[in-house]
Amino acid sequence: MAQISRRDVAEMIDHTLLSPDATPADVAALVDEARQLGVYAICVSPSMLPVRAPGLVVATVAGFPSGKHHSLVKGAEARLAVEQGAAEVDMVIDVGAARAGDYNAVLADIIAVREAVGDRAVLKVIIESAALTDEAIVEVCRAAERAGADFVKTSTGFHPAGGASAHAVKLMADTVGGRLGVKASGGIRSAAQAAELITAGATRLGLSRSREVLEGFPS
C-alpha cells in the first residue's frame, strides 16, 4: 500500500449509492462527501437523475441489478440517463446467457446499449464475475470489447455469489490488455482489499465505503 497514495486511489473511485431506499437527501449527502474526498465520480440509480454535482462525473446503472431486462429496455434506460446528465453508464449483462455460453446474446445485449448512448457516455459492462467460470469471464470480456464498451466491471454488489476478487480482476485485465478499463466493485471495504485489486489490474473502483477505504492509504 505504501506505493499507492490516497489521492491516487481517490481519483479512481466511483462513490456509489445504489440502495433501493435512497432518498434525494441521501444523494445530496453523497455528492457532498464525494467533494470532500476528492473522488472521480458519483454513481446513483437512474431514477435519482438529474443530479447537480459540479466538478464530479455522474455515473448511473442500466438493467440493474439483475440484468434480466430486455436489451431495448436497457438501451432506453441508458439513453434517458444520458439525456438527464449521466456521463457514464454501468450496464448489467444477462448473466444467465453468459453462464449458458451464449456469448452472441451477451454481445448483442451490449451492442444495444452502446448504440443507444453512442459516444455520449462511457459504457461499463458489469459481468458478475463471481457467478462465472474463468472461461466465461474471458469470453464476456471479449464480447464487451467487440461491442465497443469502455470498461468491464466485476460486480453489482447485489449478487449472492459475491463481489470483486483479485483473481477475476487479473483475468479481466489480462483479457482486455489495457484496451478497456477494469472496474472492481462489490464488497470492497478496506484499503488492503482495494490495494490488492489495484495491483491485480483494476483501473477504477466502485465503493460505497469510500471514506473508510481511503483512510487506510497514506496521504
C-alpha atoms as a PDB file:
ATOM      1  CA  MET A   1       0.000   0.000   0.000  1.00  0.00           C
ATOM      2  CA  ALA A   2       2.938   2.356   0.536  1.00  0.00           C
ATOM      3  CA  GLN A   3       3.306   2.753  -3.234  1.00  0.00           C
ATOM      4  CA  ILE A   4      -0.325   3.851  -3.684  1.00  0.00           C
ATOM      5  CA  SER A   5      -1.296   7.240  -2.317  1.00  0.00           C
ATOM      6  CA  ARG A   6      -4.691   8.264  -1.015  1.00  0.00           C
ATOM      7  CA  ARG A   7      -5.024  10.830  -3.799  1.00  0.00           C
ATOM      8  CA  ASP A   8      -4.229   8.239  -6.479  1.00  0.00           C
ATOM      9  CA  VAL A   9      -6.925   5.935  -5.134  1.00  0.00           C
ATOM     10  CA  ALA A  10      -9.478   8.738  -4.735  1.00  0.00           C
ATOM     11  CA  GLU A  11      -9.084   9.595  -8.406  1.00  0.00           C
ATOM     12  CA  MET A  12     -10.089   6.004  -9.267  1.00  0.00           C
ATOM     13  CA  ILE A  13     -13.285   5.924  -7.198  1.00  0.00           C
ATOM     14  CA  ASP A  14     -16.912   5.942  -8.281  1.00  0.00           C
ATOM     15  CA  HIS A  15     -18.511   6.927  -4.944  1.00  0.00           C
ATOM     16  CA  THR A  16     -21.658   4.827  -5.093  1.00  0.00           C
ATOM     17  CA  LEU A  17     -25.195   4.905  -3.735  1.00  0.00           C
ATOM     18  CA  LEU A  18     -27.487   2.313  -5.316  1.00  0.00           C
ATOM     19  CA  SER A  19     -29.628   1.395  -2.337  1.00  0.00           C
ATOM     20  CA  PRO A  20     -33.285   0.964  -3.348  1.00  0.00           C
ATOM     21  CA  ASP A  21     -34.411   3.145  -0.434  1.00  0.00           C
ATOM     22  CA  ALA A  22     -32.060   6.063  -1.166  1.00  0.00           C
ATOM     23  CA  THR A  23     -33.652   9.500  -0.900  1.00  0.00           C
ATOM     24  CA  PRO A  24     -32.764  12.814  -2.601  1.00  0.00           C
ATOM     25  CA  ALA A  25     -31.219  13.889   0.718  1.00  0.00           C
ATOM     26  CA  ASP A  26     -29.016  10.780   0.652  1.00  0.00           C
ATOM     27  CA  VAL A  27     -27.844  11.651  -2.859  1.00  0.00           C
ATOM     28  CA  ALA A  28     -27.082  15.226  -1.808  1.00  0.00           C
ATOM     29  CA  ALA A  29     -25.026  13.850   1.089  1.00  0.00           C
ATOM     30  CA  LEU A  30     -23.217  11.530  -1.332  1.00  0.00           C
ATOM     31  CA  VAL A  31     -22.277  14.484  -3.541  1.00  0.00           C
ATOM     32  CA  ASP A  32     -21.013  16.477  -0.545  1.00  0.00           C
ATOM     33  CA  GLU A  33     -18.920  13.562   0.685  1.00  0.00           C
ATOM     34  CA  ALA A  34     -17.569  12.912  -2.813  1.00  0.00           C
ATOM     35  CA  ARG A  35     -16.321  16.506  -2.972  1.00  0.00           C
ATOM     36  CA  GLN A  36     -14.707  16.213   0.462  1.00  0.00           C
ATOM     37  CA  LEU A  37     -12.935  13.002  -0.500  1.00  0.00           C
ATOM     38  CA  GLY A  38     -11.795  14.193  -3.924  1.00  0.00           C
ATOM     39  CA  VAL A  39     -13.149  11.149  -5.759  1.00  0.00           C
ATOM     40  CA  TYR A  40     -13.560  10.885  -9.523  1.00  0.00           C
ATOM     41  CA  ALA A  41     -17.288  10.208  -9.843  1.00  0.00           C
ATOM     42  CA  ILE A  42     -20.554   9.510  -8.115  1.00  0.00           C
ATOM     43  CA  CYS A  43     -22.792   6.618  -9.176  1.00  0.00           C
ATOM     44  CA  VAL A  44     -26.520   6.740  -8.451  1.00  0.00           C
ATOM     45  CA  SER A  45     -29.674   4.977  -9.561  1.00  0.00           C
ATOM     46  CA  PRO A  46     -31.188   6.329 -12.801  1.00  0.00           C
ATOM     47  CA  SER A  47     -34.369   7.379 -11.012  1.00  0.00           C
ATOM     48  CA  MET A  48     -32.309   9.860  -8.972  1.00  0.00           C
ATOM     49  CA  LEU A  49     -31.180  11.778 -12.064  1.00  0.00           C
ATOM     50  CA  PRO A  50     -30.595  14.558 -12.818  1.00  0.00           C
ATOM     51  CA  VAL A  51     -28.038  15.261 -10.083  1.00  0.00           C
ATOM     52  CA  ARG A  52     -26.272  18.573  -9.636  1.00  0.00           C
ATOM     53  CA  ALA A  53     -22.641  17.703  -8.930  1.00  0.00           C
ATOM     54  CA  PRO A  54     -20.242  20.310 -10.378  1.00  0.00           C
ATOM     55  CA  GLY A  55     -16.701  19.030 -10.680  1.00  0.00           C
ATOM     56  CA  LEU A  56     -17.748  15.392 -10.456  1.00  0.00           C
ATOM     57  CA  VAL A  57     -18.513  12.850 -13.150  1.00  0.00           C
ATOM     58  CA  VAL A  58     -22.054  11.498 -12.808  1.00  0.00           C
ATOM     59  CA  ALA A  59     -22.480   7.773 -13.451  1.00  0.00           C
ATOM     60  CA  THR A  60     -25.554   5.570 -13.298  1.00  0.00           C
ATOM     61  CA  VAL A  61     -26.650   1.995 -13.993  1.00  0.00           C
ATOM     62  CA  ALA A  62     -28.827   0.196 -16.544  1.00  0.00           C
ATOM     63  CA  GLY A  63     -30.518  -3.185 -16.248  1.00  0.00           C
ATOM     64  CA  PHE A  64     -29.532  -3.115 -12.592  1.00  0.00           C
ATOM     65  CA  PRO A  65     -29.083  -5.292 -10.629  1.00  0.00           C
ATOM     66  CA  SER A  66     -30.374  -8.473 -12.297  1.00  0.00           C
ATOM     67  CA  GLY A  67     -29.516  -7.852 -15.950  1.00  0.00           C
ATOM     68  CA  LYS A  68     -32.719  -9.709 -16.835  1.00  0.00           C
ATOM     69  CA  HIS A  69     -34.173  -6.784 -18.764  1.00  0.00           C
ATOM     70  CA  HIS A  70     -34.794  -6.755 -22.492  1.00  0.00           C
ATOM     71  CA  SER A  71     -31.856  -5.209 -24.332  1.00  0.00           C
ATOM     72  CA  LEU A  72     -34.130  -2.494 -25.742  1.00  0.00           C
ATOM     73  CA  VAL A  73     -35.224  -1.604 -22.217  1.00  0.00           C
ATOM     74  CA  LYS A  74     -31.599  -1.367 -21.084  1.00  0.00           C
ATOM     75  CA  GLY A  75     -30.858   0.814 -24.072  1.00  0.00           C
ATOM     76  CA  ALA A  76     -33.813   3.100 -23.426  1.00  0.00           C
ATOM     77  CA  GLU A  77     -32.894   3.398 -19.758  1.00  0.00           C
ATOM     78  CA  ALA A  78     -29.296   4.250 -20.646  1.00  0.00           C
ATOM     79  CA  ARG A  79     -30.335   6.782 -23.294  1.00  0.00           C
ATOM     80  CA  LEU A  80     -32.676   8.587 -20.900  1.00  0.00           C
ATOM     81  CA  ALA A  81     -29.984   8.641 -18.217  1.00  0.00           C
ATOM     82  CA  VAL A  82     -27.532  10.276 -20.592  1.00  0.00           C
ATOM     83  CA  GLU A  83     -30.154  12.833 -21.594  1.00  0.00           C
ATOM     84  CA  GLN A  84     -30.538  13.589 -17.881  1.00  0.00           C
ATOM     85  CA  GLY A  85     -26.842  14.236 -17.410  1.00  0.00           C
ATOM     86  CA  ALA A  86     -25.150  10.888 -16.844  1.00  0.00           C
ATOM     87  CA  ALA A  87     -21.670  10.781 -18.373  1.00  0.00           C
ATOM     88  CA  GLU A  88     -21.111   7.095 -17.625  1.00  0.00           C
ATOM     89  CA  VAL A  89     -23.444   4.078 -17.681  1.00  0.00           C
ATOM     90  CA  ASP A  90     -22.731   0.767 -15.933  1.00  0.00           C
ATOM     91  CA  MET A  91     -24.919  -1.876 -17.603  1.00  0.00           C
ATOM     92  CA  VAL A  92     -25.547  -5.391 -16.314  1.00  0.00           C
ATOM     93  CA  ILE A  93     -25.311  -8.238 -18.808  1.00  0.00           C
ATOM     94  CA  ASP A  94     -27.721 -11.174 -18.875  1.00  0.00           C
ATOM     95  CA  VAL A  95     -25.618 -13.329 -16.563  1.00  0.00           C
ATOM     96  CA  GLY A  96     -27.724 -16.381 -17.375  1.00  0.00           C
ATOM     97  CA  ALA A  97     -26.820 -16.062 -21.055  1.00  0.00           C
ATOM     98  CA  ALA A  98     -23.140 -15.943 -20.115  1.00  0.00           C
ATOM     99  CA  ARG A  99     -23.485 -18.967 -17.842  1.00  0.00           C
ATOM    100  CA  ALA A 100     -25.200 -20.835 -20.691  1.00  0.00           C
ATOM    101  CA  GLY A 101     -22.332 -19.996 -23.041  1.00  0.00           C
ATOM    102  CA  ASP A 102     -24.497 -17.827 -25.301  1.00  0.00           C
ATOM    103  CA  TYR A 103     -21.887 -15.149 -25.841  1.00  0.00           C
ATOM    104  CA  ASN A 104     -23.572 -13.898 -29.007  1.00  0.00           C
ATOM    105  CA  ALA A 105     -26.568 -12.921 -26.866  1.00  0.00           C
ATOM    106  CA  VAL A 106     -24.232 -11.133 -24.464  1.00  0.00           C
ATOM    107  CA  LEU A 107     -22.602  -9.343 -27.393  1.00  0.00           C
ATOM    108  CA  ALA A 108     -25.961  -8.246 -28.818  1.00  0.00           C
ATOM    109  CA  ASP A 109     -27.107  -7.014 -25.408  1.00  0.00           C
ATOM    110  CA  ILE A 110     -24.043  -4.787 -25.005  1.00  0.00           C
ATOM    111  CA  ILE A 111     -24.261  -3.520 -28.580  1.00  0.00           C
ATOM    112  CA  ALA A 112     -27.859  -2.432 -27.960  1.00  0.00           C
ATOM    113  CA  VAL A 113     -26.783  -0.210 -25.084  1.00  0.00           C
ATOM    114  CA  ARG A 114     -23.691   1.044 -26.871  1.00  0.00           C
ATOM    115  CA  GLU A 115     -25.808   2.088 -29.846  1.00  0.00           C
ATOM    116  CA  ALA A 116     -28.407   3.694 -27.585  1.00  0.00           C
ATOM    117  CA  VAL A 117     -25.898   6.058 -25.976  1.00  0.00           C
ATOM    118  CA  GLY A 118     -23.484   6.381 -28.890  1.00  0.00           C
ATOM    119  CA  ASP A 119     -20.312   8.206 -27.980  1.00  0.00           C
ATOM    120  CA  ARG A 120     -22.080  10.455 -25.472  1.00  0.00           C
ATOM    121  CA  ALA A 121     -21.207   8.310 -22.469  1.00  0.00           C
ATOM    122  CA  VAL A 122     -18.593   5.927 -21.130  1.00  0.00           C
ATOM    123  CA  LEU A 123     -20.027   2.403 -21.117  1.00  0.00           C
ATOM    124  CA  LYS A 124     -19.033  -0.050 -18.391  1.00  0.00           C
ATOM    125  CA  VAL A 125     -20.185  -3.669 -18.602  1.00  0.00           C
ATOM    126  CA  ILE A 126     -20.967  -5.458 -15.329  1.00  0.00           C
ATOM    127  CA  ILE A 127     -20.299  -9.164 -15.773  1.00  0.00           C
ATOM    128  CA  GLU A 128     -20.941 -10.579 -12.245  1.00  0.00           C
ATOM    129  CA  SER A 129     -17.564 -12.311 -12.291  1.00  0.00           C
ATOM    130  CA  ALA A 130     -18.227 -14.275  -9.079  1.00  0.00           C
ATOM    131  CA  ALA A 131     -21.072 -16.104 -10.835  1.00  0.00           C
ATOM    132  CA  LEU A 132     -18.985 -17.067 -13.896  1.00  0.00           C
ATOM    133  CA  THR A 133     -16.277 -19.579 -14.701  1.00  0.00           C
ATOM    134  CA  ASP A 134     -12.882 -18.303 -15.795  1.00  0.00           C
ATOM    135  CA  GLU A 135     -13.714 -19.269 -19.373  1.00  0.00           C
ATOM    136  CA  ALA A 136     -16.958 -17.290 -19.252  1.00  0.00           C
ATOM    137  CA  ILE A 137     -15.208 -14.260 -17.766  1.00  0.00           C
ATOM    138  CA  VAL A 138     -12.755 -14.247 -20.659  1.00  0.00           C
ATOM    139  CA  GLU A 139     -15.456 -14.686 -23.307  1.00  0.00           C
ATOM    140  CA  VAL A 140     -17.696 -11.987 -21.839  1.00  0.00           C
ATOM    141  CA  CYS A 141     -14.774  -9.548 -21.666  1.00  0.00           C
ATOM    142  CA  ARG A 142     -14.024 -10.294 -25.326  1.00  0.00           C
ATOM    143  CA  ALA A 143     -17.682  -9.681 -26.185  1.00  0.00           C
ATOM    144  CA  ALA A 144     -17.617  -6.363 -24.308  1.00  0.00           C
ATOM    145  CA  GLU A 145     -14.573  -5.245 -26.271  1.00  0.00           C
ATOM    146  CA  ARG A 146     -16.124  -6.291 -29.595  1.00  0.00           C
ATOM    147  CA  ALA A 147     -19.294  -4.398 -28.699  1.00  0.00           C
ATOM    148  CA  GLY A 148     -17.402  -1.166 -28.116  1.00  0.00           C
ATOM    149  CA  ALA A 149     -17.522  -0.972 -24.324  1.00  0.00           C
ATOM    150  CA  ASP A 150     -15.053   1.235 -22.480  1.00  0.00           C
ATOM    151  CA  PHE A 151     -14.787  -0.816 -19.267  1.00  0.00           C
ATOM    152  CA  VAL A 152     -15.519  -4.245 -17.916  1.00  0.00           C
ATOM    153  CA  LYS A 153     -16.700  -4.331 -14.310  1.00  0.00           C
ATOM    154  CA  THR A 154     -16.720  -7.203 -11.847  1.00  0.00           C
ATOM    155  CA  SER A 155     -19.982  -6.960  -9.948  1.00  0.00           C
ATOM    156  CA  THR A 156     -23.197  -5.220  -8.980  1.00  0.00           C
ATOM    157  CA  GLY A 157     -22.600  -5.858  -5.300  1.00  0.00           C
ATOM    158  CA  PHE A 158     -26.062  -7.438  -5.111  1.00  0.00           C
ATOM    159  CA  HIS A 159     -25.391 -10.960  -6.417  1.00  0.00           C
ATOM    160  CA  PRO A 160     -25.345 -13.765  -3.821  1.00  0.00           C
ATOM    161  CA  ALA A 161     -22.232 -15.267  -5.438  1.00  0.00           C
ATOM    162  CA  GLY A 162     -20.189 -12.327  -4.187  1.00  0.00           C
ATOM    163  CA  GLY A 163     -18.315  -9.297  -5.408  1.00  0.00           C
ATOM    164  CA  ALA A 164     -14.867  -8.419  -6.682  1.00  0.00           C
ATOM    165  CA  SER A 165     -11.861 -10.710  -6.367  1.00  0.00           C
ATOM    166  CA  ALA A 166      -8.233 -10.167  -7.308  1.00  0.00           C
ATOM    167  CA  HIS A 167      -8.337 -13.347  -9.384  1.00  0.00           C
ATOM    168  CA  ALA A 168     -11.233 -12.110 -11.516  1.00  0.00           C
ATOM    169  CA  VAL A 169      -9.745  -8.631 -11.889  1.00  0.00           C
ATOM    170  CA  LYS A 170      -6.432 -10.053 -13.094  1.00  0.00           C
ATOM    171  CA  LEU A 171      -8.189 -12.335 -15.566  1.00  0.00           C
ATOM    172  CA  MET A 172     -10.257  -9.439 -16.873  1.00  0.00           C
ATOM    173  CA  ALA A 173      -7.247  -7.123 -17.102  1.00  0.00           C
ATOM    174  CA  ASP A 174      -5.189  -9.755 -18.915  1.00  0.00           C
ATOM    175  CA  THR A 175      -8.046 -10.328 -21.382  1.00  0.00           C
ATOM    176  CA  VAL A 176      -8.636  -6.686 -22.290  1.00  0.00           C
ATOM    177  CA  GLY A 177      -4.926  -5.899 -22.254  1.00  0.00           C
ATOM    178  CA  GLY A 178      -5.266  -2.208 -21.385  1.00  0.00           C
ATOM    179  CA  ARG A 179      -7.620  -1.552 -24.303  1.00  0.00           C
ATOM    180  CA  LEU A 180     -10.536  -1.273 -21.861  1.00  0.00           C
ATOM    181  CA  GLY A 181     -10.594  -0.155 -18.270  1.00  0.00           C
ATOM    182  CA  VAL A 182     -11.333  -2.623 -15.465  1.00  0.00           C
ATOM    183  CA  LYS A 183     -13.651  -1.573 -12.655  1.00  0.00           C
ATOM    184  CA  ALA A 184     -13.667  -3.570  -9.433  1.00  0.00           C
ATOM    185  CA  SER A 185     -16.770  -3.285  -7.284  1.00  0.00           C
ATOM    186  CA  GLY A 186     -18.750  -5.257  -4.756  1.00  0.00           C
ATOM    187  CA  GLY A 187     -17.703  -5.927  -1.178  1.00  0.00           C
ATOM    188  CA  ILE A 188     -14.635  -3.663  -1.106  1.00  0.00           C
ATOM    189  CA  ARG A 189     -14.468  -2.474   2.491  1.00  0.00           C
ATOM    190  CA  SER A 190     -10.784  -1.925   3.285  1.00  0.00           C
ATOM    191  CA  ALA A 191      -7.650  -0.312   1.932  1.00  0.00           C
ATOM    192  CA  ALA A 192      -5.977  -3.733   1.830  1.00  0.00           C
ATOM    193  CA  GLN A 193      -8.706  -5.089  -0.449  1.00  0.00           C
ATOM    194  CA  ALA A 194      -8.565  -2.024  -2.672  1.00  0.00           C
ATOM    195  CA  ALA A 195      -4.782  -2.205  -2.951  1.00  0.00           C
ATOM    196  CA  GLU A 196      -4.943  -5.891  -3.873  1.00  0.00           C
ATOM    197  CA  LEU A 197      -7.460  -5.169  -6.630  1.00  0.00           C
ATOM    198  CA  ILE A 198      -5.456  -2.241  -7.991  1.00  0.00           C
ATOM    199  CA  THR A 199      -2.335  -4.413  -8.049  1.00  0.00           C
ATOM    200  CA  ALA A 200      -4.333  -7.075  -9.929  1.00  0.00           C
ATOM    201  CA  GLY A 201      -5.219  -4.556 -12.640  1.00  0.00           C
ATOM    202  CA  ALA A 202      -8.244  -2.503 -11.537  1.00  0.00           C
ATOM    203  CA  THR A 203      -8.258   0.986 -13.038  1.00  0.00           C
ATOM    204  CA  ARG A 204     -11.492   2.106 -11.360  1.00  0.00           C
ATOM    205  CA  LEU A 205     -13.120   1.196  -8.042  1.00  0.00           C
ATOM    206  CA  GLY A 206     -16.820   1.221  -7.198  1.00  0.00           C
ATOM    207  CA  LEU A 207     -17.138   1.939  -3.481  1.00  0.00           C
ATOM    208  CA  SER A 208     -19.936   2.784  -1.102  1.00  0.00           C
ATOM    209  CA  ARG A 209     -17.478   2.995   1.806  1.00  0.00           C
ATOM    210  CA  SER A 210     -15.031   5.319   0.118  1.00  0.00           C
ATOM    211  CA  ARG A 211     -14.018   7.238   3.254  1.00  0.00           C
ATOM    212  CA  GLU A 212     -13.351   4.040   5.167  1.00  0.00           C
ATOM    213  CA  VAL A 213     -11.173   2.678   2.357  1.00  0.00           C
ATOM    214  CA  LEU A 214      -9.288   5.906   1.728  1.00  0.00           C
ATOM    215  CA  GLU A 215      -8.380   6.316   5.397  1.00  0.00           C
ATOM    216  CA  GLY A 216      -6.137   3.253   5.032  1.00  0.00           C
ATOM    217  CA  PHE A 217      -3.942   4.857   2.379  1.00  0.00           C
ATOM    218  CA  PRO A 218      -1.084   7.273   3.080  1.00  0.00           C
ATOM    219  CA  SER A 219      -1.764  10.923   2.277  1.00  0.00           C
END
